[in-house]
N, C-alpha and C. Protein backbone atom coordinates (compact mmCIF):
# COMPACT_ATOMS: atom_id res chain seq x y z
N MET A 1 -21.81 21.73 18.25
CA MET A 1 -21.69 21.50 16.80
C MET A 1 -22.85 20.41 16.88
N PRO A 2 -24.07 19.65 16.29
CA PRO A 2 -24.63 18.79 15.76
C PRO A 2 -23.80 17.55 15.96
N ALA A 3 -24.30 16.54 16.48
CA ALA A 3 -23.26 15.20 16.42
C ALA A 3 -23.60 14.73 14.85
N TYR A 4 -22.83 13.66 14.49
CA TYR A 4 -22.81 12.83 13.45
C TYR A 4 -23.94 12.08 13.58
N ASP A 5 -25.00 11.54 12.65
CA ASP A 5 -25.87 10.97 13.03
C ASP A 5 -25.55 10.00 11.17
N PRO A 6 -25.87 9.12 11.23
CA PRO A 6 -25.43 8.03 10.26
C PRO A 6 -26.58 7.96 9.40
N GLU A 7 -27.03 7.76 10.07
CA GLU A 7 -29.15 7.37 9.27
C GLU A 7 -29.30 8.60 8.50
N LYS A 8 -28.67 9.67 8.91
CA LYS A 8 -29.26 10.96 7.98
C LYS A 8 -28.27 10.37 6.74
N TYR A 9 -27.62 10.21 6.65
CA TYR A 9 -26.52 10.11 4.90
C TYR A 9 -26.33 8.32 4.30
N SER A 10 -26.51 9.11 2.76
CA SER A 10 -26.50 7.60 2.05
C SER A 10 -24.81 7.24 2.23
N THR A 11 -24.81 5.67 2.25
CA THR A 11 -23.64 5.13 2.20
C THR A 11 -23.06 5.34 0.36
N VAL A 12 -21.76 4.94 0.32
CA VAL A 12 -21.06 5.56 -1.29
C VAL A 12 -22.27 4.35 -1.44
N ALA A 13 -22.23 2.98 -1.28
CA ALA A 13 -22.71 1.29 -2.06
C ALA A 13 -24.11 2.19 -2.62
N GLU A 14 -24.90 3.05 -1.50
CA GLU A 14 -26.35 3.58 -2.07
C GLU A 14 -25.93 4.48 -2.99
N ARG A 15 -25.01 5.34 -3.03
CA ARG A 15 -24.88 6.30 -4.15
C ARG A 15 -24.16 5.69 -5.82
N MET A 16 -23.32 4.46 -5.08
CA MET A 16 -23.44 3.89 -6.86
C MET A 16 -24.40 3.17 -7.14
N ALA A 17 -25.48 2.52 -6.26
CA ALA A 17 -26.54 2.04 -6.91
C ALA A 17 -27.62 3.54 -7.64
N LEU A 18 -27.20 4.21 -7.29
CA LEU A 18 -28.46 5.15 -7.70
C LEU A 18 -27.08 5.72 -9.38
N LEU A 19 -26.30 5.90 -8.87
CA LEU A 19 -25.17 6.25 -10.44
C LEU A 19 -25.38 5.05 -11.31
N LYS A 20 -25.76 3.96 -10.34
CA LYS A 20 -25.83 2.53 -12.28
C LYS A 20 -27.16 2.68 -12.82
N GLU A 21 -28.02 2.98 -12.04
CA GLU A 21 -29.47 3.00 -12.20
C GLU A 21 -29.68 4.29 -13.01
N GLU A 22 -29.23 5.93 -13.11
CA GLU A 22 -29.11 6.85 -13.90
C GLU A 22 -28.32 6.95 -14.83
N HIS A 23 -27.26 6.31 -14.71
CA HIS A 23 -25.73 6.60 -15.88
C HIS A 23 -24.69 5.19 -15.97
N PRO A 24 -25.65 4.01 -16.63
CA PRO A 24 -25.63 2.93 -16.69
C PRO A 24 -23.97 2.41 -17.27
N ASP A 25 -23.81 3.58 -18.24
CA ASP A 25 -22.95 3.94 -19.14
C ASP A 25 -21.28 4.61 -18.70
N TYR A 26 -21.65 4.77 -16.86
CA TYR A 26 -20.50 5.19 -15.92
C TYR A 26 -19.20 5.06 -16.50
N ARG A 27 -18.41 5.67 -15.86
CA ARG A 27 -16.65 5.33 -15.78
C ARG A 27 -16.36 5.82 -14.37
N LEU A 28 -15.50 5.01 -13.34
CA LEU A 28 -14.86 5.16 -12.34
C LEU A 28 -13.53 4.33 -12.46
N CYS A 29 -12.80 6.34 -12.36
CA CYS A 29 -11.39 5.70 -12.41
C CYS A 29 -10.81 6.24 -11.11
N THR A 30 -10.06 5.01 -10.22
CA THR A 30 -9.08 5.62 -9.15
C THR A 30 -7.91 5.61 -9.24
N ARG A 31 -6.69 6.26 -8.37
CA ARG A 31 -5.64 6.06 -8.86
C ARG A 31 -4.52 6.64 -7.19
N ASP A 32 -4.27 5.69 -7.38
CA ASP A 32 -2.73 5.21 -5.46
C ASP A 32 -1.71 5.98 -5.65
N TYR A 33 -1.62 8.02 -5.78
CA TYR A 33 -0.94 8.46 -5.54
C TYR A 33 -0.18 8.63 -4.32
N SER A 34 -0.16 8.02 -3.44
CA SER A 34 0.72 8.06 -2.05
C SER A 34 2.42 7.34 -2.85
N THR A 35 3.28 8.23 -2.44
CA THR A 35 4.56 7.89 -3.03
C THR A 35 5.08 7.17 -1.59
N ASP A 36 6.56 6.43 -2.03
CA ASP A 36 6.92 5.12 -1.60
C ASP A 36 7.89 5.77 -0.17
N ALA A 37 7.41 6.71 -0.24
CA ALA A 37 7.70 7.77 1.67
C ALA A 37 6.72 7.62 2.44
N ASP A 38 4.96 7.86 1.56
CA ASP A 38 3.85 7.55 2.38
C ASP A 38 3.63 6.13 2.90
N ARG A 39 3.54 5.12 2.02
CA ARG A 39 3.94 3.89 2.19
C ARG A 39 4.73 3.38 3.24
N ALA A 40 5.46 3.86 3.47
CA ALA A 40 6.97 3.79 4.51
C ALA A 40 6.30 4.20 5.96
N GLN A 41 5.31 5.12 5.50
CA GLN A 41 5.07 5.23 6.86
C GLN A 41 3.39 4.96 6.81
N GLY A 42 2.82 4.37 5.90
CA GLY A 42 0.87 3.70 6.04
C GLY A 42 0.42 4.69 5.60
N ILE A 43 0.62 5.17 4.95
CA ILE A 43 -0.47 6.86 4.66
C ILE A 43 -0.22 6.40 2.71
N TRP A 44 -1.80 6.56 2.60
CA TRP A 44 -2.36 6.24 1.43
C TRP A 44 -3.40 7.74 1.23
N ARG A 45 -3.01 7.71 -0.12
CA ARG A 45 -3.45 8.99 -0.67
C ARG A 45 -4.53 8.25 -2.27
N VAL A 46 -5.02 8.87 -2.45
CA VAL A 46 -6.12 7.91 -3.30
C VAL A 46 -7.02 9.26 -4.29
N GLN A 47 -7.04 9.03 -5.55
CA GLN A 47 -8.14 10.32 -6.05
C GLN A 47 -9.29 9.39 -6.86
N ALA A 48 -10.41 9.66 -7.20
CA ALA A 48 -11.24 8.49 -7.91
C ALA A 48 -11.80 10.48 -8.99
N CYS A 49 -11.84 9.71 -10.45
CA CYS A 49 -12.58 10.51 -11.42
C CYS A 49 -13.81 9.58 -11.42
N LEU A 50 -14.90 10.32 -12.00
CA LEU A 50 -16.30 10.12 -12.47
C LEU A 50 -16.85 10.30 -13.24
N TYR A 51 -16.94 9.87 -14.54
CA TYR A 51 -17.28 10.29 -15.90
C TYR A 51 -18.58 9.59 -16.00
N LEU A 52 -19.54 9.80 -16.04
CA LEU A 52 -20.76 9.71 -16.47
C LEU A 52 -20.90 8.62 -17.61
N THR A 53 -20.35 9.19 -19.15
CA THR A 53 -20.55 8.61 -20.18
C THR A 53 -18.67 7.93 -20.28
N ALA A 54 -19.32 7.31 -21.72
CA ALA A 54 -17.79 6.83 -22.43
C ALA A 54 -17.17 7.56 -23.04
N GLU A 55 -17.97 9.07 -23.54
CA GLU A 55 -17.45 9.89 -24.48
C GLU A 55 -16.86 10.83 -23.06
N ASP A 56 -17.12 11.04 -21.96
CA ASP A 56 -17.24 12.15 -20.67
C ASP A 56 -15.36 11.32 -20.74
N GLN A 57 -15.38 10.01 -21.06
CA GLN A 57 -14.12 9.70 -20.14
C GLN A 57 -13.06 9.85 -21.71
N GLU A 58 -13.46 9.77 -22.56
CA GLU A 58 -12.70 9.89 -24.05
C GLU A 58 -12.11 10.97 -24.06
N LYS A 59 -13.16 12.57 -23.51
CA LYS A 59 -12.65 13.83 -23.61
C LYS A 59 -12.15 14.32 -22.49
N GLY A 60 -11.95 13.43 -21.90
CA GLY A 60 -11.18 14.16 -20.14
C GLY A 60 -12.18 14.45 -19.34
N LEU A 61 -13.48 14.66 -19.26
CA LEU A 61 -14.34 15.36 -18.79
C LEU A 61 -15.07 15.25 -17.34
N ALA A 62 -14.20 15.18 -16.59
CA ALA A 62 -14.63 13.96 -15.07
C ALA A 62 -16.39 14.98 -14.57
N LYS A 63 -16.82 14.57 -14.31
CA LYS A 63 -18.23 14.88 -14.12
C LYS A 63 -18.21 14.90 -12.11
N GLY A 64 -17.47 14.51 -11.81
CA GLY A 64 -16.68 15.08 -10.19
C GLY A 64 -15.61 13.76 -10.08
N THR A 65 -14.43 14.77 -8.92
CA THR A 65 -13.43 13.88 -8.67
C THR A 65 -13.18 14.26 -7.09
N GLY A 66 -12.43 13.68 -6.82
CA GLY A 66 -12.22 13.54 -4.73
C GLY A 66 -11.14 12.96 -4.79
N HIS A 67 -10.98 13.15 -3.62
CA HIS A 67 -9.26 13.30 -3.06
C HIS A 67 -9.21 12.53 -1.33
N ALA A 68 -8.58 10.86 -1.56
CA ALA A 68 -8.62 11.02 -0.35
C ALA A 68 -7.51 10.79 0.59
N TYR A 69 -7.49 10.38 2.15
CA TYR A 69 -5.91 10.32 2.84
C TYR A 69 -6.08 9.44 3.98
N GLU A 70 -6.12 8.51 3.99
CA GLU A 70 -5.80 7.79 5.18
C GLU A 70 -4.93 6.83 6.23
N ILE A 71 -4.74 6.70 7.91
CA ILE A 71 -3.69 6.05 7.59
C ILE A 71 -3.83 4.55 8.36
N ASP A 72 -2.57 3.96 7.62
CA ASP A 72 -2.77 2.47 8.92
C ASP A 72 -2.96 2.87 10.29
N SER A 73 -3.59 1.94 10.71
CA SER A 73 -4.11 2.16 11.99
C SER A 73 -4.57 0.16 12.99
N ALA A 74 -3.84 0.53 14.28
CA ALA A 74 -4.05 -0.77 15.01
C ALA A 74 -5.60 -1.21 15.12
N HIS A 75 -6.11 -0.32 14.76
CA HIS A 75 -8.08 -0.84 14.85
C HIS A 75 -8.58 -0.45 13.43
N GLY A 76 -9.86 -1.17 13.76
CA GLY A 76 -10.80 -1.17 12.78
C GLY A 76 -10.18 -1.40 11.47
N PRO A 77 -11.28 -0.72 10.58
CA PRO A 77 -11.04 -1.26 8.85
C PRO A 77 -9.32 -0.79 8.28
N GLN A 78 -8.84 0.49 8.98
CA GLN A 78 -7.54 0.91 8.71
C GLN A 78 -6.41 -0.45 9.44
N LYS A 79 -7.04 -1.38 9.72
CA LYS A 79 -5.49 -2.31 10.06
C LYS A 79 -5.37 -2.76 9.22
N THR A 80 -6.55 -3.90 8.10
CA THR A 80 -5.99 -4.07 7.01
C THR A 80 -6.22 -3.75 6.09
N SER A 81 -6.62 -2.64 5.97
CA SER A 81 -7.79 -2.49 4.53
C SER A 81 -7.51 -0.77 4.36
N ALA A 82 -6.44 0.02 5.06
CA ALA A 82 -6.51 1.26 4.96
C ALA A 82 -6.65 1.82 3.61
N LEU A 83 -6.18 1.26 2.69
CA LEU A 83 -6.30 1.87 1.30
C LEU A 83 -7.34 2.02 0.32
N GLU A 84 -8.05 0.56 1.27
CA GLU A 84 -9.77 0.60 0.61
C GLU A 84 -10.44 1.40 0.97
N VAL A 85 -10.23 1.25 2.08
CA VAL A 85 -10.98 2.88 2.89
C VAL A 85 -11.05 4.09 2.04
N CYS A 86 -9.49 4.00 1.82
CA CYS A 86 -9.55 5.55 1.21
C CYS A 86 -9.80 5.15 -0.26
N GLU A 87 -9.70 4.45 -0.92
CA GLU A 87 -10.59 4.21 -2.34
C GLU A 87 -11.82 4.68 -1.96
N THR A 88 -12.23 4.02 -0.80
CA THR A 88 -13.87 4.36 -1.27
C THR A 88 -14.77 5.60 -0.33
N SER A 89 -13.19 6.41 -0.07
CA SER A 89 -13.34 7.82 0.54
C SER A 89 -13.43 8.78 -0.10
N ALA A 90 -12.79 8.47 -1.81
CA ALA A 90 -12.60 9.27 -3.06
C ALA A 90 -13.69 9.08 -3.52
N ILE A 91 -14.19 7.78 -4.31
CA ILE A 91 -14.90 7.73 -4.71
C ILE A 91 -16.48 8.24 -3.83
N GLY A 92 -16.68 8.05 -2.55
CA GLY A 92 -17.66 9.17 -2.29
C GLY A 92 -17.77 10.33 -2.54
N ARG A 93 -16.88 11.36 -2.37
CA ARG A 93 -16.13 12.58 -2.51
C ARG A 93 -16.98 12.92 -3.85
N ALA A 94 -16.35 12.01 -4.84
CA ALA A 94 -16.38 11.74 -6.45
C ALA A 94 -18.22 12.28 -7.00
N LEU A 95 -18.52 11.46 -5.86
CA LEU A 95 -19.66 11.22 -6.43
C LEU A 95 -20.47 12.54 -5.62
N MET A 96 -19.85 12.80 -3.91
CA MET A 96 -20.59 14.05 -3.56
C MET A 96 -21.00 15.29 -5.07
N VAL A 97 -19.31 15.71 -5.72
CA VAL A 97 -18.74 16.70 -6.31
C VAL A 97 -19.94 16.55 -7.79
N ALA A 98 -20.14 15.29 -7.94
CA ALA A 98 -21.35 14.84 -9.45
C ALA A 98 -22.73 15.20 -9.02
N GLY A 99 -23.16 15.59 -7.64
CA GLY A 99 -24.25 15.63 -7.69
C GLY A 99 -25.23 14.20 -6.86
N PHE A 100 -24.23 13.50 -6.79
CA PHE A 100 -25.13 12.19 -5.70
C PHE A 100 -24.54 12.70 -4.30
N ALA A 101 -26.02 13.52 -3.53
CA ALA A 101 -25.28 13.81 -2.25
C ALA A 101 -25.38 12.75 -1.43
N ALA A 102 -24.47 12.98 -0.03
CA ALA A 102 -24.19 12.29 0.74
C ALA A 102 -25.72 12.16 1.93
N LYS A 103 -25.85 13.27 1.87
CA LYS A 103 -27.35 13.34 2.54
C LYS A 103 -28.67 13.24 2.42
N LYS A 104 -29.46 12.12 3.12
CA LYS A 104 -30.44 11.51 2.67
C LYS A 104 -31.60 12.10 2.27
N ASP A 105 -31.55 13.27 3.08
CA ASP A 105 -32.64 14.30 2.34
C ASP A 105 -31.85 15.45 2.56
N PRO A 106 -31.32 16.49 1.58
CA PRO A 106 -31.21 17.83 1.14
C PRO A 106 -31.57 18.45 1.99
N MET A 107 -32.44 18.54 2.71
CA MET A 107 -33.32 19.73 3.77
C MET A 107 -32.33 19.47 5.26
N VAL A 108 -31.95 18.78 5.61
CA VAL A 108 -31.26 18.70 6.90
C VAL A 108 -30.36 19.27 6.97
N LEU A 109 -29.69 19.96 7.56
CA LEU A 109 -28.41 20.60 7.98
C LEU A 109 -27.16 20.02 8.68
N ALA A 110 -27.83 19.50 9.77
CA ALA A 110 -27.19 18.38 10.63
C ALA A 110 -26.82 17.02 9.93
């Protein structure tokens, strides 16, 4: 299996910039649905819903949804910001579902 190459992927920030350019009226909603029991164990769960227009949001027609799961860690960003990392991951998944691909070159298979 090929190794993950971060140079072949667009960041969530890059994809957000493209979203803002193409759909300036977008709405992005996130929801932390971690339970009290999850939080006690340092577990985070987030859902993101992407609407391309205010009308989409009013009608409840999300163009992309994403879910993510993170665990507090002793190292890296999850040491202090696991919830934020989880939210960013959920947003990235919603962007991908809505057609804002993570791969910089869609023809790259690895």
